[in-house]
């Protein structure tokens, strides 16, 4: 009965060590190829982002140029109404001077009447 429980295992340690080394090399090769593909994909995405950012900057520059061009008219325009308003404002004395003149006139009238 004791003979049935005993199983004789024979294996070569060199073979096991060799298989482990080969499987480690295969695993390393697979993982390094995956990493290489991922790095390549990251580089592609970085290039795409740089191109997109450059395009955005170009569009913003064009927008600023257009806004500057719209602010500065190509043909100079001389406003006619503002020159008349300025002349009318120059003819009228300021309020402080008018009050002072009215106050002096009232005082002179009071002196003459007394």
PDB file of N, CA and C in Angstrom:
ATOM      1  N   UNK A   1       0.809  -1.176   0.000  1.00  0.00           N
ATOM      2  CA  UNK A   1       0.000   0.000   0.000  1.00  0.00           C
ATOM      3  C   UNK A   1       0.862   1.254   0.000  1.00  0.00           C
ATOM      4  N   UNK A   2       1.932   1.199   0.649  1.00  0.00           N
ATOM      5  CA  UNK A   2       2.845   2.321   0.688  1.00  0.00           C
ATOM      6  C   UNK A   2       3.483   2.546  -0.665  1.00  0.00           C
ATOM      7  N   UNK A   3       3.584   1.533  -1.453  1.00  0.00           N
ATOM      8  CA  UNK A   3       4.178   1.651  -2.778  1.00  0.00           C
ATOM      9  C   UNK A   3       3.279   2.432  -3.737  1.00  0.00           C
ATOM     10  N   UNK A   4       1.999   2.432  -3.538  1.00  0.00           N
ATOM     11  CA  UNK A   4       1.094   3.154  -4.412  1.00  0.00           C
ATOM     12  C   UNK A   4       1.160   4.669  -4.190  1.00  0.00           C
ATOM     13  N   UNK A   5       1.499   5.092  -2.988  1.00  0.00           N
ATOM     14  CA  UNK A   5       1.544   6.512  -2.687  1.00  0.00           C
ATOM     15  C   UNK A   5       2.833   7.178  -3.152  1.00  0.00           C
ATOM     16  N   UNK A   6       3.814   6.407  -3.361  1.00  0.00           N
ATOM     17  CA  UNK A   6       5.095   6.978  -3.755  1.00  0.00           C
ATOM     18  C   UNK A   6       5.123   7.094  -5.277  1.00  0.00           C
ATOM     19  N   UNK A   7       5.324   8.309  -5.731  1.00  0.00           N
ATOM     20  CA  UNK A   7       5.420   8.554  -7.158  1.00  0.00           C
ATOM     21  C   UNK A   7       6.819   9.083  -7.399  1.00  0.00           C
ATOM     22  N   UNK A   8       7.425   8.522  -8.330  1.00  0.00           N
ATOM     23  CA  UNK A   8       8.800   8.916  -8.599  1.00  0.00           C
ATOM     24  C   UNK A   8       8.807  10.008  -9.671  1.00  0.00           C
ATOM     25  N   UNK A   9       9.378  11.172  -9.299  1.00  0.00           N
ATOM     26  CA  UNK A   9       9.462  12.288 -10.226  1.00  0.00           C
ATOM     27  C   UNK A   9      10.905  12.444 -10.646  1.00  0.00           C
ATOM     28  N   UNK A  10      11.092  12.454 -11.925  1.00  0.00           N
ATOM     29  CA  UNK A  10      12.426  12.668 -12.448  1.00  0.00           C
ATOM     30  C   UNK A  10      12.359  13.847 -13.413  1.00  0.00           C
ATOM     31  N   UNK A  11      13.167  14.857 -13.146  1.00  0.00           N
ATOM     32  CA  UNK A  11      13.237  15.966 -14.084  1.00  0.00           C
ATOM     33  C   UNK A  11      14.636  16.545 -14.025  1.00  0.00           C
ATOM     34  N   UNK A  12      14.952  17.203 -15.084  1.00  0.00           N
ATOM     35  CA  UNK A  12      16.287  17.753 -15.227  1.00  0.00           C
ATOM     36  C   UNK A  12      16.249  19.227 -14.800  1.00  0.00           C
ATOM     37  N   UNK A  13      17.078  19.573 -13.806  1.00  0.00           N
ATOM     38  CA  UNK A  13      17.108  20.956 -13.326  1.00  0.00           C
ATOM     39  C   UNK A  13      17.599  21.909 -14.404  1.00  0.00           C
ATOM     40  N   UNK A  14      18.503  21.479 -15.215  1.00  0.00           N
ATOM     41  CA  UNK A  14      19.026  22.338 -16.282  1.00  0.00           C
ATOM     42  C   UNK A  14      17.934  22.665 -17.305  1.00  0.00           C
ATOM     43  N   UNK A  15      17.100  21.670 -17.560  1.00  0.00           N
ATOM     44  CA  UNK A  15      15.997  21.892 -18.485  1.00  0.00           C
ATOM     45  C   UNK A  15      15.006  22.912 -17.907  1.00  0.00           C
ATOM     46  N   UNK A  16      14.693  22.819 -16.641  1.00  0.00           N
ATOM     47  CA  UNK A  16      13.763  23.744 -15.991  1.00  0.00           C
ATOM     48  C   UNK A  16      14.359  25.156 -15.977  1.00  0.00           C
ATOM     49  N   UNK A  17      15.613  25.274 -15.626  1.00  0.00           N
ATOM     50  CA  UNK A  17      16.265  26.583 -15.599  1.00  0.00           C
ATOM     51  C   UNK A  17      16.320  27.173 -17.010  1.00  0.00           C
ATOM     52  N   UNK A  18      16.596  26.358 -17.995  1.00  0.00           N
ATOM     53  CA  UNK A  18      16.626  26.816 -19.387  1.00  0.00           C
ATOM     54  C   UNK A  18      15.262  27.293 -19.853  1.00  0.00           C
ATOM     55  N   UNK A  19      14.197  26.547 -19.517  1.00  0.00           N
ATOM     56  CA  UNK A  19      12.837  26.951 -19.885  1.00  0.00           C
ATOM     57  C   UNK A  19      12.447  28.265 -19.203  1.00  0.00           C
ATOM     58  N   UNK A  20      12.844  28.420 -17.940  1.00  0.00           N
ATOM     59  CA  UNK A  20      12.546  29.672 -17.235  1.00  0.00           C
ATOM     60  C   UNK A  20      13.272  30.852 -17.888  1.00  0.00           C
ATOM     61  N   UNK A  21      14.509  30.637 -18.289  1.00  0.00           N
ATOM     62  CA  UNK A  21      15.274  31.713 -18.929  1.00  0.00           C
ATOM     63  C   UNK A  21      14.663  32.075 -20.281  1.00  0.00           C
ATOM     64  N   UNK A  22      14.281  31.075 -21.047  1.00  0.00           N
ATOM     65  CA  UNK A  22      13.675  31.325 -22.356  1.00  0.00           C
ATOM     66  C   UNK A  22      12.338  32.053 -22.196  1.00  0.00           C
ATOM     67  N   UNK A  23      11.520  31.631 -21.234  1.00  0.00           N
ATOM     68  CA  UNK A  23      10.226  32.296 -21.031  1.00  0.00           C
ATOM     69  C   UNK A  23      10.430  33.740 -20.547  1.00  0.00           C
ATOM     70  N   UNK A  24      11.448  33.983 -19.742  1.00  0.00           N
ATOM     71  CA  UNK A  24      11.737  35.353 -19.300  1.00  0.00           C
ATOM     72  C   UNK A  24      12.154  36.215 -20.486  1.00  0.00           C
ATOM     73  N   UNK A  25      12.971  35.673 -21.372  1.00  0.00           N
ATOM     74  CA  UNK A  25      13.389  36.430 -22.558  1.00  0.00           C
ATOM     75  C   UNK A  25      12.203  36.724 -23.477  1.00  0.00           C
ATOM     76  N   UNK A  26      11.334  35.745 -23.650  1.00  0.00           N
ATOM     77  CA  UNK A  26      10.153  35.948 -24.496  1.00  0.00           C
ATOM     78  C   UNK A  26       9.239  37.013 -23.875  1.00  0.00           C
ATOM     79  N   UNK A  27       9.023  36.948 -22.573  1.00  0.00           N
ATOM     80  CA  UNK A  27       8.203  37.950 -21.890  1.00  0.00           C
ATOM     81  C   UNK A  27       8.807  39.342 -21.996  1.00  0.00           C
ATOM     82  N   UNK A  28      10.125  39.414 -21.860  1.00  0.00           N
ATOM     83  CA  UNK A  28      10.805  40.707 -21.982  1.00  0.00           C
ATOM     84  C   UNK A  28      10.650  41.270 -23.400  1.00  0.00           C
ATOM     85  N   UNK A  29      10.769  40.415 -24.395  1.00  0.00           N
ATOM     86  CA  UNK A  29      10.636  40.863 -25.783  1.00  0.00           C
ATOM     87  C   UNK A  29       9.215  41.368 -26.057  1.00  0.00           C
ATOM     88  N   UNK A  30       8.223  40.649 -25.561  1.00  0.00           N
ATOM     89  CA  UNK A  30       6.832  41.058 -25.774  1.00  0.00           C
ATOM     90  C   UNK A  30       6.565  42.402 -25.098  1.00  0.00           C
ATOM     91  N   UNK A  31       7.018  42.536 -23.851  1.00  0.00           N
ATOM     92  CA  UNK A  31       6.764  43.781 -23.113  1.00  0.00           C
ATOM     93  C   UNK A  31       7.517  44.962 -23.727  1.00  0.00           C
ATOM     94  N   UNK A  32       8.743  44.730 -24.180  1.00  0.00           N
ATOM     95  CA  UNK A  32       9.496  45.834 -24.788  1.00  0.00           C
ATOM     96  C   UNK A  32       8.854  46.276 -26.103  1.00  0.00           C
ATOM     97  N   UNK A  33       8.282  45.335 -26.861  1.00  0.00           N
ATOM     98  CA  UNK A  33       7.591  45.726 -28.095  1.00  0.00           C
ATOM     99  C   UNK A  33       6.327  46.528 -27.769  1.00  0.00           C
ATOM    100  N   UNK A  34       5.615  46.151 -26.705  1.00  0.00           N
ATOM    101  CA  UNK A  34       4.440  46.920 -26.285  1.00  0.00           C
ATOM    102  C   UNK A  34       4.844  48.335 -25.864  1.00  0.00           C
ATOM    103  N   UNK A  35       5.921  48.446 -25.094  1.00  0.00           N
ATOM    104  CA  UNK A  35       6.392  49.764 -24.666  1.00  0.00           C
ATOM    105  C   UNK A  35       6.820  50.607 -25.860  1.00  0.00           C
ATOM    106  N   UNK A  36       7.464  49.985 -26.826  1.00  0.00           N
ATOM    107  CA  UNK A  36       7.896  50.711 -28.022  1.00  0.00           C
ATOM    108  C   UNK A  36       6.684  51.262 -28.779  1.00  0.00           C
ATOM    109  N   UNK A  37       5.644  50.442 -28.924  1.00  0.00           N
ATOM    110  CA  UNK A  37       4.430  50.899 -29.601  1.00  0.00           C
ATOM    111  C   UNK A  37       3.771  52.055 -28.839  1.00  0.00           C
ATOM    112  N   UNK A  38       3.733  51.945 -27.512  1.00  0.00           N
ATOM    113  CA  UNK A  38       3.120  53.009 -26.711  1.00  0.00           C
ATOM    114  C   UNK A  38       3.920  54.307 -26.803  1.00  0.00           C
ATOM    115  N   UNK A  39       5.241  54.214 -26.775  1.00  0.00           N
ATOM    116  CA  UNK A  39       6.074  55.415 -26.899  1.00  0.00           C
ATOM    117  C   UNK A  39       5.884  56.061 -28.264  1.00  0.00           C
ATOM    118  N   UNK A  40       5.784  55.238 -29.293  1.00  0.00           N
ATOM    119  CA  UNK A  40       5.566  55.761 -30.640  1.00  0.00           C
ATOM    120  C   UNK A  40       4.217  56.475 -30.719  1.00  0.00           C
ATOM    121  N   UNK A  41       3.198  55.904 -30.096  1.00  0.00           N
ATOM    122  CA  UNK A  41       1.865  56.522 -30.089  1.00  0.00           C
ATOM    123  C   UNK A  41       1.885  57.858 -29.337  1.00  0.00           C
ATOM    124  N   UNK A  42       2.603  57.906 -28.209  1.00  0.00           N
ATOM    125  CA  UNK A  42       2.708  59.144 -27.433  1.00  0.00           C
ATOM    126  C   UNK A  42       3.401  60.223 -28.261  1.00  0.00           C
ATOM    127  N   UNK A  43       4.455  59.858 -28.971  1.00  0.00           N
ATOM    128  CA  UNK A  43       5.154  60.825 -29.825  1.00  0.00           C
ATOM    129  C   UNK A  43       4.235  61.356 -30.924  1.00  0.00           C
ATOM    130  N   UNK A  44       3.439  60.475 -31.523  1.00  0.00           N
ATOM    131  CA  UNK A  44       2.495  60.906 -32.555  1.00  0.00           C
ATOM    132  C   UNK A  44       1.471  61.891 -31.978  1.00  0.00           C
ATOM    133  N   UNK A  45       0.954  61.591 -30.794  1.00  0.00           N
ATOM    134  CA  UNK A  45      -0.025  62.478 -30.165  1.00  0.00           C
ATOM    135  C   UNK A  45       0.598  63.822 -29.801  1.00  0.00           C
ATOM    136  N   UNK A  46       1.853  63.806 -29.343  1.00  0.00           N
ATOM    137  CA  UNK A  46       2.534  65.065 -29.023  1.00  0.00           C
ATOM    138  C   UNK A  46       2.718  65.917 -30.278  1.00  0.00           C
ATOM    139  N   UNK A  47       3.105  65.282 -31.378  1.00  0.00           N
ATOM    140  CA  UNK A  47       3.256  66.019 -32.637  1.00  0.00           C
ATOM    141  C   UNK A  47       1.915  66.600 -33.082  1.00  0.00           C
ATOM    142  N   UNK A  48       0.856  65.817 -32.933  1.00  0.00           N
ATOM    143  CA  UNK A  48      -0.476  66.288 -33.315  1.00  0.00           C
ATOM    144  C   UNK A  48      -0.900  67.481 -32.453  1.00  0.00           C
ATOM    145  N   UNK A  49      -0.628  67.400 -31.148  1.00  0.00           N
ATOM    146  CA  UNK A  49      -0.975  68.514 -30.261  1.00  0.00           C
ATOM    147  C   UNK A  49      -0.173  69.762 -30.612  1.00  0.00           C
ATOM    148  N   UNK A  50       1.109  69.607 -30.912  1.00  0.00           N
ATOM    149  CA  UNK A  50       1.924  70.760 -31.298  1.00  0.00           C
ATOM    150  C   UNK A  50       1.388  71.395 -32.579  1.00  0.00           C
ATOM    151  N   UNK A  51       0.994  70.561 -33.524  1.00  0.00           N
ATOM    152  CA  UNK A  51       0.435  71.090 -34.771  1.00  0.00           C
ATOM    153  C   UNK A  51      -0.876  71.829 -34.500  1.00  0.00           C
ATOM    154  N   UNK A  52      -1.714  71.266 -33.633  1.00  0.00           N
ATOM    155  CA  UNK A  52      -2.985  71.918 -33.298  1.00  0.00           C
ATOM    156  C   UNK A  52      -2.760  73.243 -32.587  1.00  0.00           C
ATOM    157  N   UNK A  53      -1.809  73.259 -31.657  1.00  0.00           N
ATOM    158  CA  UNK A  53      -1.521  74.511 -30.948  1.00  0.00           C
ATOM    159  C   UNK A  53      -0.965  75.559 -31.904  1.00  0.00           C
ATOM    160  N   UNK A  54      -0.125  75.140 -32.828  1.00  0.00           N
ATOM    161  CA  UNK A  54       0.410  76.089 -33.810  1.00  0.00           C
ATOM    162  C   UNK A  54      -0.715  76.652 -34.676  1.00  0.00           C
ATOM    163  N   UNK A  55      -1.656  75.803 -35.037  1.00  0.00           N
ATOM    164  CA  UNK A  55      -2.796  76.257 -35.841  1.00  0.00           C
ATOM    165  C   UNK A  55      -3.662  77.235 -35.049  1.00  0.00           C
ATOM    166  N   UNK A  56      -3.884  76.946 -33.775  1.00  0.00           N
ATOM    167  CA  UNK A  56      -4.677  77.845 -32.931  1.00  0.00           C
ATOM    168  C   UNK A  56      -3.989  79.192 -32.812  1.00  0.00           C
ATOM    169  N   UNK A  57      -2.679  79.184 -32.607  1.00  0.00           N
ATOM    170  CA  UNK A  57      -1.938  80.444 -32.509  1.00  0.00           C
ATOM    171  C   UNK A  57      -2.018  81.229 -33.813  1.00  0.00           C
ATOM    172  N   UNK A  58      -1.947  80.540 -34.932  1.00  0.00           N
ATOM    173  CA  UNK A  58      -2.038  81.209 -36.232  1.00  0.00           C
ATOM    174  C   UNK A  58      -3.414  81.852 -36.406  1.00  0.00           C
ATOM    175  N   UNK A  59      -4.461  81.132 -36.019  1.00  0.00           N
ATOM    176  CA  UNK A  59      -5.819  81.668 -36.135  1.00  0.00           C
ATOM    177  C   UNK A  59      -5.993  82.884 -35.218  1.00  0.00           C
ATOM    178  N   UNK A  60      -5.447  82.818 -34.009  1.00  0.00           N
ATOM    179  CA  UNK A  60      -5.540  83.963 -33.100  1.00  0.00           C
ATOM    180  C   UNK A  60      -4.787  85.165 -33.659  1.00  0.00           C
ATOM    181  N   UNK A  61      -3.646  84.926 -34.276  1.00  0.00           N
ATOM    182  CA  UNK A  61      -2.879  86.023 -34.869  1.00  0.00           C
ATOM    183  C   UNK A  61      -3.679  86.663 -36.005  1.00  0.00           C
ATOM    184  N   UNK A  62      -4.301  85.849 -36.837  1.00  0.00           N
ATOM    185  CA  UNK A  62      -5.126  86.378 -37.924  1.00  0.00           C
ATOM    186  C   UNK A  62      -6.304  87.180 -37.366  1.00  0.00           C
ATOM    187  N   UNK A  63      -6.908  86.696 -36.279  1.00  0.00           N
ATOM    188  CA  UNK A  63      -8.029  87.409 -35.666  1.00  0.00           C
ATOM    189  C   UNK A  63      -7.578  88.774 -35.155  1.00  0.00           C
ATOM    190  N   UNK A  64      -6.433  88.826 -34.501  1.00  0.00           N
ATOM    191  CA  UNK A  64      -5.919  90.101 -33.987  1.00  0.00           C
ATOM    192  C   UNK A  64      -5.620  91.049 -35.133  1.00  0.00           C
ATOM    193  N   UNK A  65      -5.032  90.529 -36.204  1.00  0.00           N
ATOM    194  CA  UNK A  65      -4.747  91.377 -37.365  1.00  0.00           C
ATOM    195  C   UNK A  65      -6.032  91.939 -37.967  1.00  0.00           C
ATOM    196  N   UNK A  66      -7.062  91.104 -38.054  1.00  0.00           N
ATOM    197  CA  UNK A  66      -8.347  91.576 -38.588  1.00  0.00           C
ATOM    198  C   UNK A  66      -8.976  92.628 -37.680  1.00  0.00           C
ATOM    199  N   UNK A  67      -8.891  92.424 -36.366  1.00  0.00           N
ATOM    200  CA  UNK A  67      -9.445  93.414 -35.443  1.00  0.00           C
ATOM    201  C   UNK A  67      -8.702  94.737 -35.545  1.00  0.00           C
ATOM    202  N   UNK A  68      -7.392  94.687 -35.678  1.00  0.00           N
ATOM    203  CA  UNK A  68      -6.615  95.919 -35.840  1.00  0.00           C
ATOM    204  C   UNK A  68      -6.995  96.619 -37.140  1.00  0.00           C
ATOM    205  N   UNK A  69      -7.187  95.827 -38.194  1.00  0.00           N
ATOM    206  CA  UNK A  69      -7.542  96.401 -39.480  1.00  0.00           C
ATOM    207  C   UNK A  69      -8.932  97.046 -39.419  1.00  0.00           C
ATOM    208  N   UNK A  70      -9.851  96.452 -38.659  1.00  0.00           N
ATOM    209  CA  UNK A  70     -11.189  97.021 -38.537  1.00  0.00           C
ATOM    210  C   UNK A  70     -11.173  98.292 -37.692  1.00  0.00           C
ATOM    211  N   UNK A  71     -10.283  98.382 -36.712  1.00  0.00           N
ATOM    212  CA  UNK A  71     -10.211  99.575 -35.869  1.00  0.00           C
ATOM    213  C   UNK A  71      -9.673 100.768 -36.648  1.00  0.00           C
ATOM    214  N   UNK A  72      -8.751 100.542 -37.543  1.00  0.00           N
ATOM    215  CA  UNK A  72      -8.149 101.621 -38.318  1.00  0.00           C
ATOM    216  C   UNK A  72      -8.800 101.659 -39.699  1.00  0.00           C
ATOM    217  N   UNK A  73      -9.643 102.662 -39.962  1.00  0.00           N
ATOM    218  CA  UNK A  73     -10.283 102.714 -41.279  1.00  0.00           C
ATOM    219  C   UNK A  73      -9.254 103.030 -42.371  1.00  0.00           C
ATOM    220  N   UNK A  74      -9.481 102.480 -43.536  1.00  0.00           N
ATOM    221  CA  UNK A  74      -8.555 102.692 -44.651  1.00  0.00           C
ATOM    222  C   UNK A  74      -8.653 104.124 -45.170  1.00  0.00           C
ATOM    223  N   UNK A  75      -9.858 104.680 -45.174  1.00  0.00           N
ATOM    224  CA  UNK A  75     -10.070 106.048 -45.650  1.00  0.00           C
ATOM    225  C   UNK A  75     -10.308 106.925 -44.426  1.00  0.00           C
ATOM    226  N   UNK A  76      -9.524 107.970 -44.257  1.00  0.00           N
ATOM    227  CA  UNK A  76      -9.743 108.825 -43.082  1.00  0.00           C
ATOM    228  C   UNK A  76     -11.068 109.573 -43.193  1.00  0.00           C
ATOM    229  N   UNK A  77     -11.805 109.607 -42.118  1.00  0.00           N
ATOM    230  CA  UNK A  77     -13.110 110.251 -42.077  1.00  0.00           C
ATOM    231  C   UNK A  77     -12.998 111.488 -41.200  1.00  0.00           C
ATOM    232  N   UNK A  78     -13.418 112.625 -41.745  1.00  0.00           N
ATOM    233  CA  UNK A  78     -13.395 113.874 -40.992  1.00  0.00           C
ATOM    234  C   UNK A  78     -14.814 114.144 -40.521  1.00  0.00           C
ATOM    235  N   UNK A  79     -15.060 114.092 -39.239  1.00  0.00           N
ATOM    236  CA  UNK A  79     -16.415 114.336 -38.749  1.00  0.00           C
ATOM    237  C   UNK A  79     -16.751 115.820 -38.828  1.00  0.00           C
ATOM    238  N   UNK A  80     -17.918 116.134 -39.371  1.00  0.00           N
ATOM    239  CA  UNK A  80     -18.327 117.525 -39.544  1.00  0.00           C
ATOM    240  C   UNK A  80     -19.039 118.067 -38.310  1.00  0.00           C
ATOM    241  N   UNK A  81     -19.802 117.264 -37.619  1.00  0.00           N
ATOM    242  CA  UNK A  81     -20.586 117.729 -36.478  1.00  0.00           C
ATOM    243  C   UNK A  81     -19.713 118.110 -35.294  1.00  0.00           C
ATOM    244  N   UNK A  82     -18.659 117.412 -35.068  1.00  0.00           N
ATOM    245  CA  UNK A  82     -17.852 117.696 -33.882  1.00  0.00           C
ATOM    246  C   UNK A  82     -17.162 119.041 -33.994  1.00  0.00           C
ATOM    247  N   UNK A  83     -16.785 119.456 -35.194  1.00  0.00           N
ATOM    248  CA  UNK A  83     -16.125 120.759 -35.322  1.00  0.00           C
ATOM    249  C   UNK A  83     -17.097 121.887 -34.985  1.00  0.00           C
ATOM    250  N   UNK A  84     -18.377 121.778 -35.366  1.00  0.00           N
ATOM    251  CA  UNK A  84     -19.374 122.795 -35.027  1.00  0.00           C
ATOM    252  C   UNK A  84     -19.624 122.818 -33.527  1.00  0.00           C
ATOM    253  N   UNK A  85     -19.692 121.642 -32.925  1.00  0.00           N
ATOM    254  CA  UNK A  85     -19.910 121.578 -31.483  1.00  0.00           C
ATOM    255  C   UNK A  85     -18.755 122.208 -30.730  1.00  0.00           C
ATOM    256  N   UNK A  86     -17.553 121.967 -31.189  1.00  0.00           N
ATOM    257  CA  UNK A  86     -16.391 122.551 -30.525  1.00  0.00           C
ATOM    258  C   UNK A  86     -16.406 124.069 -30.656  1.00  0.00           C
ATOM    259  N   UNK A  87     -16.798 124.587 -31.818  1.00  0.00           N
ATOM    260  CA  UNK A  87     -16.858 126.041 -32.008  1.00  0.00           C
ATOM    261  C   UNK A  87     -17.929 126.655 -31.114  1.00  0.00           C
ATOM    262  N   UNK A  88     -19.066 125.995 -30.994  1.00  0.00           N
ATOM    263  CA  UNK A  88     -20.139 126.504 -30.140  1.00  0.00           C
ATOM    264  C   UNK A  88     -19.696 126.496 -28.684  1.00  0.00           C
ATOM    265  N   UNK A  89     -18.969 125.483 -28.272  1.00  0.00           N
ATOM    266  CA  UNK A  89     -18.486 125.414 -26.894  1.00  0.00           C
ATOM    267  C   UNK A  89     -17.450 126.497 -26.642  1.00  0.00           C
ATOM    268  N   UNK A  90     -16.667 126.854 -27.644  1.00  0.00           N
ATOM    269  CA  UNK A  90     -15.667 127.907 -27.475  1.00  0.00           C
ATOM    270  C   UNK A  90     -16.321 129.280 -27.337  1.00  0.00           C
ATOM    271  N   UNK A  91     -17.451 129.509 -27.960  1.00  0.00           N
ATOM    272  CA  UNK A  91     -18.120 130.816 -27.910  1.00  0.00           C
ATOM    273  C   UNK A  91     -18.704 131.092 -26.529  1.00  0.00           C
ATOM    274  N   UNK A  92     -19.240 130.080 -25.862  1.00  0.00           N
ATOM    275  CA  UNK A  92     -19.858 130.280 -24.556  1.00  0.00           C
ATOM    276  C   UNK A  92     -18.780 130.273 -23.476  1.00  0.00           C
ATOM    277  N   UNK A  93     -18.812 131.279 -22.580  1.00  0.00           N
ATOM    278  CA  UNK A  93     -17.863 131.239 -21.470  1.00  0.00           C
ATOM    279  C   UNK A  93     -18.277 130.153 -20.489  1.00  0.00           C
ATOM    280  N   UNK A  94     -17.367 129.710 -19.701  1.00  0.00           N
ATOM    281  CA  UNK A  94     -17.708 128.654 -18.758  1.00  0.00           C
ATOM    282  C   UNK A  94     -18.615 129.205 -17.664  1.00  0.00           C
ATOM    283  N   UNK A  95     -19.242 128.355 -16.916  1.00  0.00           N
ATOM    284  CA  UNK A  95     -20.282 128.714 -15.951  1.00  0.00           C
ATOM    285  C   UNK A  95     -19.716 129.575 -14.829  1.00  0.00           C
ATOM    286  N   UNK A  96     -18.534 129.252 -14.358  1.00  0.00           N
ATOM    287  CA  UNK A  96     -17.950 130.012 -13.244  1.00  0.00           C
ATOM    288  C   UNK A  96     -17.727 131.462 -13.646  1.00  0.00           C
ATOM    289  N   UNK A  97     -17.272 131.699 -14.858  1.00  0.00           N
ATOM    290  CA  UNK A  97     -17.037 133.065 -15.326  1.00  0.00           C
ATOM    291  C   UNK A  97     -18.357 133.813 -15.450  1.00  0.00           C
ATOM    292  N   UNK A  98     -19.387 133.180 -15.950  1.00  0.00           N
ATOM    293  CA  UNK A  98     -20.693 133.842 -16.094  1.00  0.00           C
ATOM    294  C   UNK A  98     -21.268 134.212 -14.736  1.00  0.00           C
ATOM    295  N   UNK A  99     -21.151 133.310 -13.757  1.00  0.00           N
ATOM    296  CA  UNK A  99     -21.673 133.606 -12.424  1.00  0.00           C
ATOM    297  C   UNK A  99     -20.928 134.778 -11.808  1.00  0.00           C
ATOM    298  N   UNK A 100     -19.612 134.778 -12.003  1.00  0.00           N
ATOM    299  CA  UNK A 100     -18.804 135.865 -11.465  1.00  0.00           C
ATOM    300  C   UNK A 100     -19.216 137.190 -12.101  1.00  0.00           C
ATOM    301  N   UNK A 101     -19.435 137.177 -13.408  1.00  0.00           N
ATOM    302  CA  UNK A 101     -19.825 138.402 -14.105  1.00  0.00           C
ATOM    303  C   UNK A 101     -21.205 138.862 -13.650  1.00  0.00           C
ATOM    304  N   UNK A 102     -22.145 137.939 -13.465  1.00  0.00           N
ATOM    305  CA  UNK A 102     -23.482 138.300 -12.997  1.00  0.00           C
ATOM    306  C   UNK A 102     -23.435 138.851 -11.581  1.00  0.00           C
ATOM    307  N   UNK A 103     -22.618 138.258 -10.746  1.00  0.00           N
ATOM    308  CA  UNK A 103     -22.492 138.727  -9.369  1.00  0.00           C
ATOM    309  C   UNK A 103     -21.933 140.133  -9.318  1.00  0.00           C
ATOM    310  N   UNK A 104     -20.946 140.434 -10.141  1.00  0.00           N
ATOM    311  CA  UNK A 104     -20.368 141.780 -10.191  1.00  0.00           C
ATOM    312  C   UNK A 104     -21.380 142.781 -10.732  1.00  0.00           C
ATOM    313  N   UNK A 105     -22.134 142.377 -11.714  1.00  0.00           N
ATOM    314  CA  UNK A 105     -23.141 143.273 -12.299  1.00  0.00           C
ATOM    315  C   UNK A 105     -24.215 143.595 -11.276  1.00  0.00           C
ATOM    316  N   UNK A 106     -24.664 142.621 -10.510  1.00  0.00           N
ATOM    317  CA  UNK A 106     -25.682 142.855  -9.488  1.00  0.00           C
ATOM    318  C   UNK A 106     -25.163 143.799  -8.412  1.00  0.00           C
ATOM    319  N   UNK A 107     -23.896 143.629  -8.025  1.00  0.00           N
ATOM    320  CA  UNK A 107     -23.312 144.519  -7.009  1.00  0.00           C
ATOM    321  C   UNK A 107     -23.226 145.957  -7.528  1.00  0.00           C
ATOM    322  N   UNK A 108     -22.875 146.131  -8.768  1.00  0.00           N
ATOM    323  CA  UNK A 108     -22.783 147.482  -9.333  1.00  0.00           C
ATOM    324  C   UNK A 108     -24.160 148.132  -9.408  1.00  0.00           C
ATOM    325  N   UNK A 109     -25.161 147.352  -9.749  1.00  0.00           N
ATOM    326  CA  UNK A 109     -26.525 147.889  -9.827  1.00  0.00           C
ATOM    327  C   UNK A 109     -26.985 148.322  -8.443  1.00  0.00           C
ATOM    328  N   UNK A 110     -26.693 147.550  -7.423  1.00  0.00           N
ATOM    329  CA  UNK A 110     -27.082 147.908  -6.058  1.00  0.00           C
ATOM    330  C   UNK A 110     -26.372 149.178  -5.613  1.00  0.00           C
ATOM    331  N   UNK A 111     -25.107 149.356  -5.958  1.00  0.00           N
ATOM    332  CA  UNK A 111     -24.345 150.541  -5.574  1.00  0.00           C
ATOM    333  C   UNK A 111     -24.890 151.784  -6.284  1.00  0.00           C
ATOM    334  N   UNK A 112     -25.228 151.605  -7.530  1.00  0.00           N
ATOM    335  CA  UNK A 112     -25.730 152.759  -8.286  1.00  0.00           C
ATOM    336  C   UNK A 112     -27.114 153.165  -7.792  1.00  0.00           C
ATOM    337  N   UNK A 113     -27.913 152.192  -7.417  1.00  0.00           N
ATOM    338  CA  UNK A 113     -29.260 152.514  -6.952  1.00  0.00           C
ATOM    339  C   UNK A 113     -29.245 153.064  -5.528  1.00  0.00           C
ATOM    340  N   UNK A 114     -28.257 152.834  -4.733  1.00  0.00           N
ATOM    341  CA  UNK A 114     -28.255 153.349  -3.380  1.00  0.00           C
ATOM    342  C   UNK A 114     -27.719 154.719  -3.286  1.00  0.00           C
TER     343      UNK A 114
END
